[in-house]
Amino acid sequence: MAVKIDELDRKILECLQEDSGRSLDEIAKIVGSSKTPVWNRIRKLREAGVIRQQTVILDPEALGFEACFFVLIRTSEHEADWQAAFLKALRDRPEVLEAHRLAGDIDYILKVRVANARAYDAFYQVLISEVRVHNVTALLSMEEIKSTTRLPLVAGDGA
């Protein structure tokens, strides 16, 4: 369920998406308000679940994670026990940055960050030892063209 937010909330959220490390004074100045109302709105947005967490974004290549694979998984298993084991395997693997259940021919897609192809193979071997999958296709990203965590907070977007 979408939470009702106004234009000031949008400005605050956009400012936080750009750099959540900014001080309340900086945010207030940018959005044209004072510190206390900005703090109150941020607190309410957290309580409403609009702001889930604040974090930093690291450069994976600078840390040696040069390979990004998109892993397409098909399975013939759909029982609750298999799904629980599969979800646990994904949650236990820090290489898995994202996992989505899909509609269509592919059941799941994973975004996996590793150092290289050998590290991907090690990840793959562990995954298939923990859960049975029908078919796995790994696609190596040759170039990251766009990557963002920012949501488009423009007026009239239904939020």
N, C-alpha and C. Protein backbone atom coordinates (compact mmCIF):
# COMPACT_ATOMS: atom_id res chain seq x y z
N MET A 1 0.84 -1.18 0.00
CA MET A 1 0.00 0.00 0.00
C MET A 1 0.89 1.25 0.00
N ALA A 2 0.60 2.15 -0.91
CA ALA A 2 1.39 3.37 -1.03
C ALA A 2 1.06 4.34 0.10
N VAL A 3 2.08 5.02 0.58
CA VAL A 3 1.93 6.01 1.64
C VAL A 3 1.76 7.38 0.99
N LYS A 4 0.87 8.18 1.52
CA LYS A 4 0.65 9.53 1.00
C LYS A 4 1.80 10.43 1.42
N ILE A 5 2.48 11.02 0.45
CA ILE A 5 3.55 11.95 0.76
C ILE A 5 3.34 13.23 -0.04
N ASP A 6 3.81 14.34 0.52
CA ASP A 6 3.64 15.62 -0.17
C ASP A 6 4.96 16.05 -0.82
N GLU A 7 4.96 17.25 -1.40
CA GLU A 7 6.12 17.72 -2.13
C GLU A 7 7.36 17.88 -1.25
N LEU A 8 7.18 18.33 0.00
CA LEU A 8 8.33 18.45 0.90
C LEU A 8 8.91 17.08 1.23
N ASP A 9 8.03 16.10 1.45
CA ASP A 9 8.50 14.73 1.68
C ASP A 9 9.32 14.25 0.48
N ARG A 10 8.81 14.53 -0.72
CA ARG A 10 9.52 14.11 -1.94
C ARG A 10 10.91 14.75 -2.00
N LYS A 11 11.00 16.02 -1.69
CA LYS A 11 12.29 16.72 -1.72
C LYS A 11 13.25 16.10 -0.70
N ILE A 12 12.74 15.81 0.48
CA ILE A 12 13.57 15.20 1.53
C ILE A 12 14.05 13.83 1.08
N LEU A 13 13.14 13.03 0.54
CA LEU A 13 13.51 11.69 0.08
C LEU A 13 14.51 11.74 -1.07
N GLU A 14 14.32 12.67 -1.99
CA GLU A 14 15.26 12.82 -3.11
C GLU A 14 16.64 13.20 -2.58
N CYS A 15 16.68 14.10 -1.62
CA CYS A 15 17.93 14.53 -1.01
C CYS A 15 18.62 13.35 -0.31
N LEU A 16 17.85 12.54 0.41
CA LEU A 16 18.41 11.38 1.10
C LEU A 16 18.89 10.32 0.10
N GLN A 17 18.15 10.14 -1.00
CA GLN A 17 18.58 9.17 -2.01
C GLN A 17 19.89 9.59 -2.65
N GLU A 18 20.07 10.87 -2.82
CA GLU A 18 21.30 11.38 -3.42
C GLU A 18 22.49 11.17 -2.49
N ASP A 19 22.30 11.45 -1.18
CA ASP A 19 23.38 11.27 -0.20
C ASP A 19 22.76 11.25 1.20
N SER A 20 22.58 10.05 1.73
CA SER A 20 21.94 9.92 3.05
C SER A 20 22.86 10.33 4.19
N GLY A 21 24.11 10.63 3.88
CA GLY A 21 25.05 11.07 4.90
C GLY A 21 24.98 12.56 5.19
N ARG A 22 24.13 13.27 4.50
CA ARG A 22 24.00 14.71 4.74
C ARG A 22 23.43 14.97 6.14
N SER A 23 23.85 16.09 6.72
CA SER A 23 23.32 16.48 8.03
C SER A 23 21.90 17.00 7.87
N LEU A 24 21.18 17.04 8.98
CA LEU A 24 19.82 17.62 8.96
C LEU A 24 19.86 19.07 8.52
N ASP A 25 20.89 19.81 8.94
CA ASP A 25 21.01 21.21 8.52
C ASP A 25 21.14 21.32 7.01
N GLU A 26 21.96 20.46 6.40
CA GLU A 26 22.13 20.48 4.94
C GLU A 26 20.83 20.15 4.23
N ILE A 27 20.15 19.10 4.70
CA ILE A 27 18.89 18.69 4.08
C ILE A 27 17.87 19.81 4.18
N ALA A 28 17.75 20.40 5.37
CA ALA A 28 16.78 21.49 5.58
C ALA A 28 17.06 22.65 4.63
N LYS A 29 18.32 22.99 4.47
CA LYS A 29 18.69 24.08 3.57
C LYS A 29 18.32 23.75 2.13
N ILE A 30 18.63 22.55 1.70
CA ILE A 30 18.35 22.13 0.32
C ILE A 30 16.85 22.12 0.03
N VAL A 31 16.04 21.63 0.98
CA VAL A 31 14.60 21.51 0.72
C VAL A 31 13.81 22.77 1.11
N GLY A 32 14.49 23.76 1.68
CA GLY A 32 13.83 25.01 2.02
C GLY A 32 12.96 24.93 3.26
N SER A 33 13.43 24.25 4.27
CA SER A 33 12.68 24.11 5.52
C SER A 33 13.66 24.30 6.68
N SER A 34 13.18 24.06 7.89
CA SER A 34 14.08 24.11 9.04
C SER A 34 14.33 22.70 9.54
N LYS A 35 15.31 22.58 10.43
CA LYS A 35 15.82 21.29 10.87
C LYS A 35 14.76 20.43 11.57
N THR A 36 13.98 20.99 12.49
CA THR A 36 13.02 20.20 13.26
C THR A 36 11.93 19.60 12.39
N PRO A 37 11.28 20.35 11.49
CA PRO A 37 10.28 19.72 10.62
C PRO A 37 10.87 18.63 9.72
N VAL A 38 12.09 18.84 9.26
CA VAL A 38 12.74 17.83 8.42
C VAL A 38 12.98 16.56 9.23
N TRP A 39 13.49 16.71 10.46
CA TRP A 39 13.72 15.55 11.33
C TRP A 39 12.41 14.81 11.60
N ASN A 40 11.33 15.56 11.89
CA ASN A 40 10.02 14.94 12.16
C ASN A 40 9.51 14.17 10.95
N ARG A 41 9.68 14.75 9.77
CA ARG A 41 9.21 14.07 8.55
C ARG A 41 10.03 12.82 8.27
N ILE A 42 11.33 12.88 8.46
CA ILE A 42 12.18 11.70 8.26
C ILE A 42 11.77 10.60 9.24
N ARG A 43 11.52 10.98 10.50
CA ARG A 43 11.09 10.01 11.51
C ARG A 43 9.77 9.36 11.09
N LYS A 44 8.80 10.18 10.62
CA LYS A 44 7.49 9.64 10.20
C LYS A 44 7.64 8.75 8.96
N LEU A 45 8.52 9.12 8.04
CA LEU A 45 8.74 8.30 6.84
C LEU A 45 9.38 6.96 7.22
N ARG A 46 10.24 6.96 8.23
CA ARG A 46 10.81 5.70 8.73
C ARG A 46 9.72 4.84 9.37
N GLU A 47 8.93 5.45 10.23
CA GLU A 47 7.86 4.72 10.92
C GLU A 47 6.86 4.13 9.94
N ALA A 48 6.59 4.85 8.84
CA ALA A 48 5.64 4.38 7.83
C ALA A 48 6.25 3.32 6.92
N GLY A 49 7.55 3.09 7.05
CA GLY A 49 8.21 2.09 6.22
C GLY A 49 8.65 2.60 4.86
N VAL A 50 8.51 3.90 4.62
CA VAL A 50 8.96 4.47 3.35
C VAL A 50 10.49 4.43 3.29
N ILE A 51 11.14 4.80 4.38
CA ILE A 51 12.59 4.68 4.50
C ILE A 51 12.85 3.38 5.23
N ARG A 52 13.39 2.39 4.51
CA ARG A 52 13.65 1.08 5.13
C ARG A 52 14.97 1.08 5.87
N GLN A 53 16.00 1.67 5.28
CA GLN A 53 17.31 1.71 5.93
C GLN A 53 18.16 2.76 5.25
N GLN A 54 19.21 3.16 5.92
CA GLN A 54 20.19 4.06 5.33
C GLN A 54 21.51 3.31 5.28
N THR A 55 22.20 3.43 4.15
CA THR A 55 23.40 2.65 3.94
C THR A 55 24.36 3.41 3.05
N VAL A 56 25.49 2.82 2.74
CA VAL A 56 26.43 3.41 1.79
C VAL A 56 26.51 2.48 0.58
N ILE A 57 26.86 3.03 -0.55
CA ILE A 57 27.01 2.26 -1.78
C ILE A 57 28.50 2.17 -2.07
N LEU A 58 29.01 0.95 -2.13
CA LEU A 58 30.42 0.71 -2.36
C LEU A 58 30.68 0.45 -3.84
N ASP A 59 31.88 0.73 -4.29
CA ASP A 59 32.29 0.44 -5.66
C ASP A 59 32.79 -1.00 -5.71
N PRO A 60 32.04 -1.92 -6.33
CA PRO A 60 32.44 -3.32 -6.31
C PRO A 60 33.79 -3.57 -6.97
N GLU A 61 34.08 -2.89 -8.06
CA GLU A 61 35.36 -3.12 -8.75
C GLU A 61 36.55 -2.66 -7.92
N ALA A 62 36.36 -1.56 -7.18
CA ALA A 62 37.43 -1.07 -6.32
C ALA A 62 37.76 -2.08 -5.21
N LEU A 63 36.79 -2.94 -4.89
CA LEU A 63 36.97 -3.94 -3.85
C LEU A 63 37.27 -5.33 -4.41
N GLY A 64 37.49 -5.40 -5.73
CA GLY A 64 37.87 -6.67 -6.34
C GLY A 64 36.74 -7.53 -6.85
N PHE A 65 35.52 -7.03 -6.84
CA PHE A 65 34.37 -7.79 -7.35
C PHE A 65 34.10 -7.33 -8.78
N GLU A 66 34.93 -7.80 -9.69
CA GLU A 66 34.90 -7.29 -11.06
C GLU A 66 33.88 -7.96 -11.96
N ALA A 67 33.35 -9.11 -11.57
CA ALA A 67 32.41 -9.83 -12.42
C ALA A 67 31.00 -9.77 -11.87
N CYS A 68 30.08 -9.39 -12.74
CA CYS A 68 28.66 -9.37 -12.39
C CYS A 68 27.95 -10.35 -13.31
N PHE A 69 27.31 -11.35 -12.71
CA PHE A 69 26.57 -12.35 -13.47
C PHE A 69 25.07 -12.22 -13.18
N PHE A 70 24.27 -12.38 -14.21
CA PHE A 70 22.83 -12.52 -14.05
C PHE A 70 22.55 -14.00 -14.28
N VAL A 71 21.97 -14.63 -13.28
CA VAL A 71 21.79 -16.07 -13.28
C VAL A 71 20.30 -16.36 -13.43
N LEU A 72 19.97 -17.04 -14.53
CA LEU A 72 18.58 -17.41 -14.82
C LEU A 72 18.37 -18.85 -14.37
N ILE A 73 17.37 -19.06 -13.55
CA ILE A 73 17.14 -20.40 -12.98
C ILE A 73 15.74 -20.87 -13.33
N ARG A 74 15.71 -22.09 -13.87
CA ARG A 74 14.44 -22.79 -14.09
C ARG A 74 14.42 -23.97 -13.14
N THR A 75 13.28 -24.22 -12.57
CA THR A 75 13.15 -25.36 -11.68
C THR A 75 11.85 -26.09 -11.95
N SER A 76 11.85 -27.37 -11.69
CA SER A 76 10.61 -28.15 -11.77
C SER A 76 10.06 -28.36 -10.36
N GLU A 77 10.78 -27.84 -9.39
CA GLU A 77 10.40 -27.98 -7.97
C GLU A 77 9.65 -26.72 -7.55
N HIS A 78 8.47 -26.89 -6.97
CA HIS A 78 7.72 -25.73 -6.49
C HIS A 78 7.10 -25.97 -5.11
N GLU A 79 7.54 -27.05 -4.47
CA GLU A 79 7.01 -27.37 -3.15
C GLU A 79 7.57 -26.40 -2.11
N ALA A 80 6.86 -26.26 -1.02
CA ALA A 80 7.25 -25.33 0.04
C ALA A 80 8.62 -25.66 0.62
N ASP A 81 8.94 -26.94 0.81
CA ASP A 81 10.24 -27.33 1.36
C ASP A 81 11.38 -26.92 0.43
N TRP A 82 11.20 -27.14 -0.88
CA TRP A 82 12.23 -26.75 -1.84
C TRP A 82 12.41 -25.23 -1.84
N GLN A 83 11.29 -24.50 -1.85
CA GLN A 83 11.37 -23.04 -1.86
C GLN A 83 12.07 -22.52 -0.62
N ALA A 84 11.78 -23.09 0.53
CA ALA A 84 12.43 -22.66 1.77
C ALA A 84 13.93 -22.92 1.70
N ALA A 85 14.33 -24.08 1.19
CA ALA A 85 15.76 -24.39 1.06
C ALA A 85 16.43 -23.46 0.06
N PHE A 86 15.74 -23.17 -1.04
CA PHE A 86 16.29 -22.28 -2.07
C PHE A 86 16.46 -20.87 -1.51
N LEU A 87 15.45 -20.35 -0.84
CA LEU A 87 15.54 -19.01 -0.25
C LEU A 87 16.64 -18.94 0.79
N LYS A 88 16.78 -19.98 1.60
CA LYS A 88 17.87 -20.01 2.58
C LYS A 88 19.22 -19.99 1.88
N ALA A 89 19.37 -20.78 0.83
CA ALA A 89 20.63 -20.82 0.09
C ALA A 89 20.97 -19.45 -0.47
N LEU A 90 19.98 -18.73 -0.98
CA LEU A 90 20.22 -17.39 -1.52
C LEU A 90 20.59 -16.41 -0.42
N ARG A 91 19.86 -16.46 0.68
CA ARG A 91 20.14 -15.53 1.79
C ARG A 91 21.50 -15.78 2.42
N ASP A 92 21.95 -17.03 2.39
CA ASP A 92 23.25 -17.39 2.98
C ASP A 92 24.44 -17.02 2.10
N ARG A 93 24.19 -16.68 0.85
CA ARG A 93 25.26 -16.38 -0.09
C ARG A 93 25.40 -14.87 -0.27
N PRO A 94 26.46 -14.26 0.27
CA PRO A 94 26.63 -12.81 0.14
C PRO A 94 26.87 -12.36 -1.29
N GLU A 95 27.24 -13.28 -2.18
CA GLU A 95 27.45 -12.93 -3.58
C GLU A 95 26.15 -12.53 -4.27
N VAL A 96 25.02 -13.01 -3.74
CA VAL A 96 23.71 -12.71 -4.34
C VAL A 96 23.26 -11.33 -3.88
N LEU A 97 23.31 -10.37 -4.80
CA LEU A 97 22.90 -9.01 -4.47
C LEU A 97 21.40 -8.82 -4.63
N GLU A 98 20.82 -9.52 -5.58
CA GLU A 98 19.38 -9.44 -5.82
C GLU A 98 18.88 -10.81 -6.25
N ALA A 99 17.63 -11.09 -5.91
CA ALA A 99 16.97 -12.31 -6.35
C ALA A 99 15.51 -11.98 -6.59
N HIS A 100 15.00 -12.40 -7.74
CA HIS A 100 13.61 -12.12 -8.09
C HIS A 100 12.95 -13.39 -8.60
N ARG A 101 11.70 -13.60 -8.19
CA ARG A 101 10.87 -14.69 -8.74
C ARG A 101 10.12 -14.08 -9.91
N LEU A 102 10.12 -14.77 -11.04
CA LEU A 102 9.60 -14.19 -12.27
C LEU A 102 8.35 -14.91 -12.77
N ALA A 103 7.59 -14.21 -13.58
CA ALA A 103 6.53 -14.82 -14.37
C ALA A 103 7.14 -15.16 -15.72
N GLY A 104 6.70 -16.25 -16.33
CA GLY A 104 7.22 -16.61 -17.64
C GLY A 104 8.04 -17.88 -17.60
N ASP A 105 8.92 -18.05 -18.61
CA ASP A 105 9.70 -19.28 -18.76
C ASP A 105 10.79 -19.46 -17.71
N ILE A 106 11.33 -18.36 -17.21
CA ILE A 106 12.38 -18.40 -16.20
C ILE A 106 11.72 -18.22 -14.84
N ASP A 107 12.11 -19.05 -13.87
CA ASP A 107 11.49 -18.97 -12.53
C ASP A 107 12.13 -17.91 -11.65
N TYR A 108 13.47 -17.80 -11.71
CA TYR A 108 14.19 -16.86 -10.84
C TYR A 108 15.32 -16.21 -11.63
N ILE A 109 15.64 -14.99 -11.24
CA ILE A 109 16.84 -14.33 -11.75
C ILE A 109 17.62 -13.79 -10.55
N LEU A 110 18.92 -14.02 -10.59
CA LEU A 110 19.80 -13.55 -9.51
C LEU A 110 20.81 -12.58 -10.10
N LYS A 111 21.18 -11.59 -9.32
CA LYS A 111 22.31 -10.74 -9.65
C LYS A 111 23.41 -11.13 -8.68
N VAL A 112 24.53 -11.60 -9.24
CA VAL A 112 25.61 -12.15 -8.44
C VAL A 112 26.89 -11.37 -8.72
N ARG A 113 27.56 -10.91 -7.68
CA ARG A 113 28.83 -10.16 -7.81
C ARG A 113 29.95 -11.00 -7.23
N VAL A 114 30.96 -11.26 -8.05
CA VAL A 114 32.11 -12.05 -7.63
C VAL A 114 33.37 -11.47 -8.24
N ALA A 115 34.52 -12.01 -7.85
CA ALA A 115 35.79 -11.51 -8.35
C ALA A 115 36.03 -11.86 -9.81
N ASN A 116 35.64 -13.10 -10.20
CA ASN A 116 35.94 -13.56 -11.55
C ASN A 116 35.12 -14.82 -11.86
N ALA A 117 35.36 -15.40 -13.03
CA ALA A 117 34.61 -16.58 -13.45
C ALA A 117 34.85 -17.77 -12.51
N ARG A 118 36.07 -17.92 -12.02
CA ARG A 118 36.37 -19.01 -11.10
C ARG A 118 35.55 -18.85 -9.81
N ALA A 119 35.42 -17.64 -9.32
CA ALA A 119 34.62 -17.39 -8.11
C ALA A 119 33.15 -17.65 -8.39
N TYR A 120 32.70 -17.33 -9.61
CA TYR A 120 31.31 -17.64 -9.96
C TYR A 120 31.10 -19.15 -9.95
N ASP A 121 32.04 -19.90 -10.51
CA ASP A 121 31.90 -21.35 -10.54
C ASP A 121 31.82 -21.92 -9.13
N ALA A 122 32.62 -21.40 -8.22
CA ALA A 122 32.56 -21.85 -6.82
C ALA A 122 31.18 -21.56 -6.23
N PHE A 123 30.65 -20.37 -6.50
CA PHE A 123 29.30 -20.02 -6.04
C PHE A 123 28.28 -21.00 -6.62
N TYR A 124 28.37 -21.24 -7.92
CA TYR A 124 27.45 -22.14 -8.62
C TYR A 124 27.50 -23.55 -8.03
N GLN A 125 28.70 -24.06 -7.79
CA GLN A 125 28.84 -25.41 -7.25
C GLN A 125 28.19 -25.54 -5.87
N VAL A 126 28.36 -24.52 -5.04
CA VAL A 126 27.73 -24.54 -3.72
C VAL A 126 26.21 -24.49 -3.86
N LEU A 127 25.72 -23.61 -4.73
CA LEU A 127 24.27 -23.47 -4.90
C LEU A 127 23.63 -24.78 -5.34
N ILE A 128 24.19 -25.42 -6.37
CA ILE A 128 23.56 -26.65 -6.86
C ILE A 128 23.77 -27.83 -5.91
N SER A 129 24.72 -27.72 -4.98
CA SER A 129 24.86 -28.77 -3.97
C SER A 129 23.81 -28.62 -2.87
N GLU A 130 23.27 -27.41 -2.73
CA GLU A 130 22.28 -27.15 -1.68
C GLU A 130 20.85 -27.34 -2.15
N VAL A 131 20.57 -27.04 -3.42
CA VAL A 131 19.20 -27.17 -3.95
C VAL A 131 19.26 -27.70 -5.38
N ARG A 132 18.25 -28.49 -5.73
CA ARG A 132 18.16 -29.00 -7.10
C ARG A 132 17.50 -27.95 -7.99
N VAL A 133 18.11 -27.73 -9.14
CA VAL A 133 17.52 -26.84 -10.14
C VAL A 133 17.50 -27.57 -11.47
N HIS A 134 16.53 -27.25 -12.28
CA HIS A 134 16.38 -27.91 -13.58
C HIS A 134 17.38 -27.38 -14.59
N ASN A 135 17.54 -26.06 -14.62
CA ASN A 135 18.42 -25.43 -15.60
C ASN A 135 18.94 -24.11 -15.06
N VAL A 136 20.24 -23.87 -15.27
CA VAL A 136 20.85 -22.61 -14.84
C VAL A 136 21.59 -22.02 -16.04
N THR A 137 21.33 -20.75 -16.31
CA THR A 137 22.05 -20.03 -17.35
C THR A 137 22.69 -18.82 -16.70
N ALA A 138 23.98 -18.66 -16.88
CA ALA A 138 24.70 -17.51 -16.31
C ALA A 138 25.09 -16.57 -17.44
N LEU A 139 24.74 -15.31 -17.27
CA LEU A 139 25.07 -14.29 -18.26
C LEU A 139 26.04 -13.30 -17.62
N LEU A 140 27.21 -13.14 -18.21
CA LEU A 140 28.20 -12.20 -17.69
C LEU A 140 27.90 -10.81 -18.23
N SER A 141 27.79 -9.86 -17.33
CA SER A 141 27.61 -8.47 -17.74
C SER A 141 28.94 -7.94 -18.25
N MET A 142 28.96 -7.49 -19.49
CA MET A 142 30.19 -6.97 -20.08
C MET A 142 30.44 -5.52 -19.66
N GLU A 143 29.34 -4.78 -19.44
CA GLU A 143 29.46 -3.38 -19.06
C GLU A 143 28.21 -2.97 -18.30
N GLU A 144 28.40 -2.31 -17.17
CA GLU A 144 27.26 -1.77 -16.43
C GLU A 144 26.96 -0.40 -17.01
N ILE A 145 25.81 -0.26 -17.63
CA ILE A 145 25.44 0.99 -18.29
C ILE A 145 24.72 1.92 -17.32
N LYS A 146 23.86 1.35 -16.50
CA LYS A 146 23.16 2.15 -15.50
C LYS A 146 22.87 1.27 -14.30
N SER A 147 23.13 1.80 -13.13
CA SER A 147 22.80 1.12 -11.89
C SER A 147 22.45 2.19 -10.87
N THR A 148 21.29 2.08 -10.30
CA THR A 148 20.87 3.07 -9.30
C THR A 148 19.96 2.41 -8.28
N THR A 149 19.90 3.01 -7.12
CA THR A 149 18.93 2.61 -6.11
C THR A 149 17.87 3.68 -5.95
N ARG A 150 18.03 4.77 -6.72
CA ARG A 150 17.13 5.91 -6.59
C ARG A 150 15.80 5.67 -7.29
N LEU A 151 14.71 5.92 -6.58
CA LEU A 151 13.38 5.84 -7.16
C LEU A 151 13.01 7.18 -7.78
N PRO A 152 12.22 7.18 -8.86
CA PRO A 152 11.83 8.44 -9.50
C PRO A 152 10.70 9.11 -8.72
N LEU A 153 11.04 10.09 -7.91
CA LEU A 153 10.06 10.73 -7.02
C LEU A 153 9.48 12.01 -7.63
N VAL A 154 9.02 11.91 -8.85
CA VAL A 154 8.43 13.09 -9.50
C VAL A 154 6.96 13.20 -9.13
N ALA A 155 6.45 14.43 -9.10
CA ALA A 155 5.04 14.66 -8.79
C ALA A 155 4.17 13.94 -9.80
N GLY A 156 3.06 13.40 -9.32
CA GLY A 156 2.13 12.74 -10.22
C GLY A 156 2.48 11.28 -10.49
N ASP A 157 3.40 10.70 -9.69
CA ASP A 157 3.78 9.30 -9.93
C ASP A 157 2.90 8.32 -9.15
N GLY A 158 1.87 8.83 -8.50
CA GLY A 158 0.95 7.97 -7.79
C GLY A 158 1.28 7.75 -6.33
N ALA A 159 2.42 8.25 -5.88
CA ALA A 159 2.80 8.07 -4.48
C ALA A 159 2.13 9.10 -3.60
